[in-house]
């Protein structure tokens, strides 16, 4: 068994490269995720209340509402609307709800909270907003909700579009 006292008992100096890894990251923390079509998107972590994985049967369909809505979800005692994020953004590929869990990102502003059901949450990333570029190859339906995009270098170049959570929350598309 390994305990914290074992760690304290070891008296090994830090390797020279360790300090580089401990430097303060540049930029702001963002949640990276994909929608059903495979598009990579990001939201600033500041406006995100929480990210949950829920069983699709916990989302209750509501008749006679916008087709963009999957239904309502009881999130820690508060009922919130949940949307298929891709559909909301004008994407034709529907979210697959026939699976054990859906990822829902709850965004909020003041007292208004909406759940964004996404295909997959990829993780958290520090992204520098000064490096954001104007978005390219976006539909007219998606344009009002996109602030710009990053081109992330790695094994493969990836384009990540930054969403505007306030534009989503205040959108007339809800039709509620």
C-alpha atoms as a PDB file:
ATOM      1  CA  UNK A   1       0.000   0.000   0.000  1.00  0.00           C
ATOM      2  CA  UNK A   2       1.284   3.450  -0.879  1.00  0.00           C
ATOM      3  CA  UNK A   3       0.422   6.418   1.364  1.00  0.00           C
ATOM      4  CA  UNK A   4       1.053  10.157   1.400  1.00  0.00           C
ATOM      5  CA  UNK A   5       3.634   9.697   4.178  1.00  0.00           C
ATOM      6  CA  UNK A   6       5.651   7.537   1.770  1.00  0.00           C
ATOM      7  CA  UNK A   7       5.756  10.461  -0.629  1.00  0.00           C
ATOM      8  CA  UNK A   8       6.909  12.852   2.085  1.00  0.00           C
ATOM      9  CA  UNK A   9       9.602  10.424   3.256  1.00  0.00           C
ATOM     10  CA  UNK A  10      11.272  10.386  -0.145  1.00  0.00           C
ATOM     11  CA  UNK A  11      13.900  13.070  -0.378  1.00  0.00           C
ATOM     12  CA  UNK A  12      14.520  13.181  -4.122  1.00  0.00           C
ATOM     13  CA  UNK A  13      15.232  16.516  -5.784  1.00  0.00           C
ATOM     14  CA  UNK A  14      12.976  17.773  -8.566  1.00  0.00           C
ATOM     15  CA  UNK A  15      14.212  17.060 -12.043  1.00  0.00           C
ATOM     16  CA  UNK A  16      15.229  20.124 -14.029  1.00  0.00           C
ATOM     17  CA  UNK A  17      12.323  19.809 -16.524  1.00  0.00           C
ATOM     18  CA  UNK A  18       9.663  19.634 -13.819  1.00  0.00           C
ATOM     19  CA  UNK A  19       9.542  23.398 -13.203  1.00  0.00           C
ATOM     20  CA  UNK A  20       8.642  24.020 -16.850  1.00  0.00           C
ATOM     21  CA  UNK A  21       5.553  21.839 -16.474  1.00  0.00           C
ATOM     22  CA  UNK A  22       4.472  23.766 -13.368  1.00  0.00           C
ATOM     23  CA  UNK A  23       4.353  27.177 -15.044  1.00  0.00           C
ATOM     24  CA  UNK A  24       1.079  29.069 -15.125  1.00  0.00           C
ATOM     25  CA  UNK A  25      -0.912  28.197 -18.253  1.00  0.00           C
ATOM     26  CA  UNK A  26      -1.723  30.943 -20.734  1.00  0.00           C
ATOM     27  CA  UNK A  27      -5.296  31.771 -21.630  1.00  0.00           C
ATOM     28  CA  UNK A  28      -8.611  30.728 -20.121  1.00  0.00           C
ATOM     29  CA  UNK A  29      -9.970  27.326 -19.207  1.00  0.00           C
ATOM     30  CA  UNK A  30     -12.408  25.879 -21.757  1.00  0.00           C
ATOM     31  CA  UNK A  31     -14.456  22.709 -22.075  1.00  0.00           C
ATOM     32  CA  UNK A  32     -13.859  20.930 -25.381  1.00  0.00           C
ATOM     33  CA  UNK A  33     -16.551  18.706 -26.854  1.00  0.00           C
ATOM     34  CA  UNK A  34     -17.959  17.384 -30.097  1.00  0.00           C
ATOM     35  CA  UNK A  35     -21.457  17.329 -31.554  1.00  0.00           C
ATOM     36  CA  UNK A  36     -22.918  14.418 -33.526  1.00  0.00           C
ATOM     37  CA  UNK A  37     -21.445  15.616 -36.844  1.00  0.00           C
ATOM     38  CA  UNK A  38     -17.943  15.483 -35.342  1.00  0.00           C
ATOM     39  CA  UNK A  39     -17.424  19.260 -35.191  1.00  0.00           C
ATOM     40  CA  UNK A  40     -15.173  20.266 -32.278  1.00  0.00           C
ATOM     41  CA  UNK A  41     -16.496  23.089 -30.107  1.00  0.00           C
ATOM     42  CA  UNK A  42     -15.445  24.870 -26.927  1.00  0.00           C
ATOM     43  CA  UNK A  43     -17.163  26.798 -24.152  1.00  0.00           C
ATOM     44  CA  UNK A  44     -15.456  29.005 -21.614  1.00  0.00           C
ATOM     45  CA  UNK A  45     -15.556  27.203 -18.270  1.00  0.00           C
ATOM     46  CA  UNK A  46     -16.651  30.448 -16.593  1.00  0.00           C
ATOM     47  CA  UNK A  47     -20.261  30.211 -17.825  1.00  0.00           C
ATOM     48  CA  UNK A  48     -20.573  26.474 -17.260  1.00  0.00           C
ATOM     49  CA  UNK A  49     -22.479  25.429 -14.159  1.00  0.00           C
ATOM     50  CA  UNK A  50     -21.581  21.752 -14.443  1.00  0.00           C
ATOM     51  CA  UNK A  51     -21.080  18.849 -16.800  1.00  0.00           C
ATOM     52  CA  UNK A  52     -23.041  15.667 -16.116  1.00  0.00           C
ATOM     53  CA  UNK A  53     -23.433  12.268 -17.690  1.00  0.00           C
ATOM     54  CA  UNK A  54     -27.079  11.221 -17.470  1.00  0.00           C
ATOM     55  CA  UNK A  55     -29.136   8.300 -18.628  1.00  0.00           C
ATOM     56  CA  UNK A  56     -31.328   9.392 -21.570  1.00  0.00           C
ATOM     57  CA  UNK A  57     -34.419   8.218 -19.671  1.00  0.00           C
ATOM     58  CA  UNK A  58     -33.772  10.952 -17.067  1.00  0.00           C
ATOM     59  CA  UNK A  59     -34.553  13.526 -19.791  1.00  0.00           C
ATOM     60  CA  UNK A  60     -38.328  13.783 -19.968  1.00  0.00           C
ATOM     61  CA  UNK A  61     -39.748  14.702 -23.393  1.00  0.00           C
ATOM     62  CA  UNK A  62     -42.259  17.552 -23.349  1.00  0.00           C
ATOM     63  CA  UNK A  63     -44.972  17.517 -26.038  1.00  0.00           C
ATOM     64  CA  UNK A  64     -45.705  20.570 -28.170  1.00  0.00           C
ATOM     65  CA  UNK A  65     -42.300  22.209 -27.643  1.00  0.00           C
ATOM     66  CA  UNK A  66     -39.519  23.158 -30.020  1.00  0.00           C
ATOM     67  CA  UNK A  67     -38.053  20.225 -31.984  1.00  0.00           C
ATOM     68  CA  UNK A  68     -34.626  21.451 -30.826  1.00  0.00           C
ATOM     69  CA  UNK A  69     -35.412  20.303 -27.295  1.00  0.00           C
ATOM     70  CA  UNK A  70     -34.820  16.785 -26.048  1.00  0.00           C
ATOM     71  CA  UNK A  71     -36.876  17.525 -22.934  1.00  0.00           C
ATOM     72  CA  UNK A  72     -36.403  18.545 -19.319  1.00  0.00           C
ATOM     73  CA  UNK A  73     -33.941  17.289 -16.728  1.00  0.00           C
ATOM     74  CA  UNK A  74     -34.009  17.528 -12.943  1.00  0.00           C
ATOM     75  CA  UNK A  75     -30.512  18.809 -12.186  1.00  0.00           C
ATOM     76  CA  UNK A  76     -29.957  18.820  -8.425  1.00  0.00           C
ATOM     77  CA  UNK A  77     -33.532  19.819  -7.718  1.00  0.00           C
ATOM     78  CA  UNK A  78     -33.808  22.378 -10.524  1.00  0.00           C
ATOM     79  CA  UNK A  79     -35.676  21.566 -13.731  1.00  0.00           C
ATOM     80  CA  UNK A  80     -33.785  22.660 -16.868  1.00  0.00           C
ATOM     81  CA  UNK A  81     -34.421  22.404 -20.602  1.00  0.00           C
ATOM     82  CA  UNK A  82     -32.016  20.165 -22.538  1.00  0.00           C
ATOM     83  CA  UNK A  83     -31.292  20.631 -26.230  1.00  0.00           C
ATOM     84  CA  UNK A  84     -29.504  18.620 -28.877  1.00  0.00           C
ATOM     85  CA  UNK A  85     -26.639  21.101 -29.314  1.00  0.00           C
ATOM     86  CA  UNK A  86     -25.929  20.135 -32.915  1.00  0.00           C
ATOM     87  CA  UNK A  87     -29.574  20.554 -33.915  1.00  0.00           C
ATOM     88  CA  UNK A  88     -29.717  23.894 -32.093  1.00  0.00           C
ATOM     89  CA  UNK A  89     -26.699  25.059 -34.108  1.00  0.00           C
ATOM     90  CA  UNK A  90     -28.365  24.023 -37.379  1.00  0.00           C
ATOM     91  CA  UNK A  91     -26.512  20.752 -37.902  1.00  0.00           C
ATOM     92  CA  UNK A  92     -28.466  17.984 -39.683  1.00  0.00           C
ATOM     93  CA  UNK A  93     -26.877  15.070 -37.800  1.00  0.00           C
ATOM     94  CA  UNK A  94     -29.106  14.160 -34.822  1.00  0.00           C
ATOM     95  CA  UNK A  95     -27.598  13.220 -31.477  1.00  0.00           C
ATOM     96  CA  UNK A  96     -27.677   9.483 -30.800  1.00  0.00           C
ATOM     97  CA  UNK A  97     -29.755   9.139 -27.631  1.00  0.00           C
ATOM     98  CA  UNK A  98     -29.831   5.336 -27.822  1.00  0.00           C
ATOM     99  CA  UNK A  99     -26.881   4.827 -25.476  1.00  0.00           C
ATOM    100  CA  UNK A 100     -26.361   4.373 -21.737  1.00  0.00           C
ATOM    101  CA  UNK A 101     -25.315   7.974 -20.994  1.00  0.00           C
ATOM    102  CA  UNK A 102     -25.545  11.412 -22.561  1.00  0.00           C
ATOM    103  CA  UNK A 103     -23.137  14.226 -21.743  1.00  0.00           C
ATOM    104  CA  UNK A 104     -24.968  17.412 -20.790  1.00  0.00           C
ATOM    105  CA  UNK A 105     -23.205  20.736 -20.269  1.00  0.00           C
ATOM    106  CA  UNK A 106     -25.323  23.052 -18.115  1.00  0.00           C
ATOM    107  CA  UNK A 107     -24.678  26.714 -18.993  1.00  0.00           C
ATOM    108  CA  UNK A 108     -26.071  29.593 -16.994  1.00  0.00           C
ATOM    109  CA  UNK A 109     -26.422  33.339 -16.839  1.00  0.00           C
ATOM    110  CA  UNK A 110     -28.096  34.839 -13.777  1.00  0.00           C
ATOM    111  CA  UNK A 111     -31.055  32.538 -13.097  1.00  0.00           C
ATOM    112  CA  UNK A 112     -31.319  31.115 -16.641  1.00  0.00           C
ATOM    113  CA  UNK A 113     -29.906  27.586 -17.086  1.00  0.00           C
ATOM    114  CA  UNK A 114     -29.983  25.391 -20.195  1.00  0.00           C
ATOM    115  CA  UNK A 115     -28.502  21.930 -20.741  1.00  0.00           C
ATOM    116  CA  UNK A 116     -26.552  21.309 -23.939  1.00  0.00           C
ATOM    117  CA  UNK A 117     -26.536  17.604 -24.835  1.00  0.00           C
ATOM    118  CA  UNK A 118     -23.350  16.830 -26.765  1.00  0.00           C
ATOM    119  CA  UNK A 119     -21.878  13.788 -28.475  1.00  0.00           C
ATOM    120  CA  UNK A 120     -18.714  13.637 -26.362  1.00  0.00           C
ATOM    121  CA  UNK A 121     -16.910  15.817 -23.833  1.00  0.00           C
ATOM    122  CA  UNK A 122     -13.229  15.735 -24.759  1.00  0.00           C
ATOM    123  CA  UNK A 123     -11.885  17.473 -21.642  1.00  0.00           C
ATOM    124  CA  UNK A 124     -10.603  20.788 -20.397  1.00  0.00           C
ATOM    125  CA  UNK A 125      -7.997  22.909 -22.152  1.00  0.00           C
ATOM    126  CA  UNK A 126      -6.301  26.248 -21.519  1.00  0.00           C
ATOM    127  CA  UNK A 127      -6.876  28.269 -24.700  1.00  0.00           C
ATOM    128  CA  UNK A 128      -5.577  31.760 -25.316  1.00  0.00           C
ATOM    129  CA  UNK A 129      -8.411  34.011 -26.507  1.00  0.00           C
ATOM    130  CA  UNK A 130      -5.852  36.329 -28.126  1.00  0.00           C
ATOM    131  CA  UNK A 131      -5.106  33.538 -30.624  1.00  0.00           C
ATOM    132  CA  UNK A 132      -8.717  33.194 -31.747  1.00  0.00           C
ATOM    133  CA  UNK A 133      -9.363  33.743 -35.446  1.00  0.00           C
ATOM    134  CA  UNK A 134     -12.572  34.559 -37.316  1.00  0.00           C
ATOM    135  CA  UNK A 135     -14.562  31.377 -37.900  1.00  0.00           C
ATOM    136  CA  UNK A 136     -14.521  29.809 -41.345  1.00  0.00           C
ATOM    137  CA  UNK A 137     -16.809  27.253 -42.966  1.00  0.00           C
ATOM    138  CA  UNK A 138     -19.793  27.821 -40.710  1.00  0.00           C
ATOM    139  CA  UNK A 139     -23.431  27.815 -41.698  1.00  0.00           C
ATOM    140  CA  UNK A 140     -25.689  30.844 -41.398  1.00  0.00           C
ATOM    141  CA  UNK A 141     -27.588  28.954 -38.675  1.00  0.00           C
ATOM    142  CA  UNK A 142     -24.427  28.485 -36.606  1.00  0.00           C
ATOM    143  CA  UNK A 143     -22.851  31.924 -37.188  1.00  0.00           C
ATOM    144  CA  UNK A 144     -24.752  33.874 -34.459  1.00  0.00           C
ATOM    145  CA  UNK A 145     -23.426  31.506 -31.790  1.00  0.00           C
ATOM    146  CA  UNK A 146     -19.741  31.344 -32.787  1.00  0.00           C
ATOM    147  CA  UNK A 147     -17.170  33.854 -31.478  1.00  0.00           C
ATOM    148  CA  UNK A 148     -14.305  32.490 -33.577  1.00  0.00           C
ATOM    149  CA  UNK A 149     -12.041  29.473 -33.796  1.00  0.00           C
ATOM    150  CA  UNK A 150      -8.661  28.104 -32.794  1.00  0.00           C
ATOM    151  CA  UNK A 151      -6.426  25.945 -34.901  1.00  0.00           C
ATOM    152  CA  UNK A 152      -4.873  23.474 -32.474  1.00  0.00           C
ATOM    153  CA  UNK A 153      -1.624  21.875 -33.531  1.00  0.00           C
ATOM    154  CA  UNK A 154      -0.873  18.314 -32.530  1.00  0.00           C
ATOM    155  CA  UNK A 155      -0.701  14.924 -34.180  1.00  0.00           C
ATOM    156  CA  UNK A 156      -3.477  16.213 -36.404  1.00  0.00           C
ATOM    157  CA  UNK A 157      -4.470  19.821 -36.890  1.00  0.00           C
ATOM    158  CA  UNK A 158      -7.853  20.430 -35.255  1.00  0.00           C
ATOM    159  CA  UNK A 159     -10.209  23.371 -35.635  1.00  0.00           C
ATOM    160  CA  UNK A 160     -12.178  24.190 -32.493  1.00  0.00           C
ATOM    161  CA  UNK A 161     -15.006  26.705 -32.680  1.00  0.00           C
ATOM    162  CA  UNK A 162     -15.707  28.870 -29.615  1.00  0.00           C
ATOM    163  CA  UNK A 163     -19.388  29.116 -28.681  1.00  0.00           C
ATOM    164  CA  UNK A 164     -20.994  32.201 -27.165  1.00  0.00           C
ATOM    165  CA  UNK A 165     -23.080  30.906 -24.225  1.00  0.00           C
ATOM    166  CA  UNK A 166     -25.020  34.172 -23.808  1.00  0.00           C
ATOM    167  CA  UNK A 167     -26.102  34.109 -27.449  1.00  0.00           C
ATOM    168  CA  UNK A 168     -27.334  30.541 -26.940  1.00  0.00           C
ATOM    169  CA  UNK A 169     -29.198  31.339 -23.719  1.00  0.00           C
ATOM    170  CA  UNK A 170     -30.868  34.440 -25.178  1.00  0.00           C
ATOM    171  CA  UNK A 171     -31.679  32.970 -28.578  1.00  0.00           C
ATOM    172  CA  UNK A 172     -35.148  33.303 -30.103  1.00  0.00           C
ATOM    173  CA  UNK A 173     -34.725  29.719 -31.371  1.00  0.00           C
ATOM    174  CA  UNK A 174     -35.997  28.332 -28.105  1.00  0.00           C
ATOM    175  CA  UNK A 175     -39.560  29.304 -28.987  1.00  0.00           C
ATOM    176  CA  UNK A 176     -40.680  28.607 -25.440  1.00  0.00           C
END
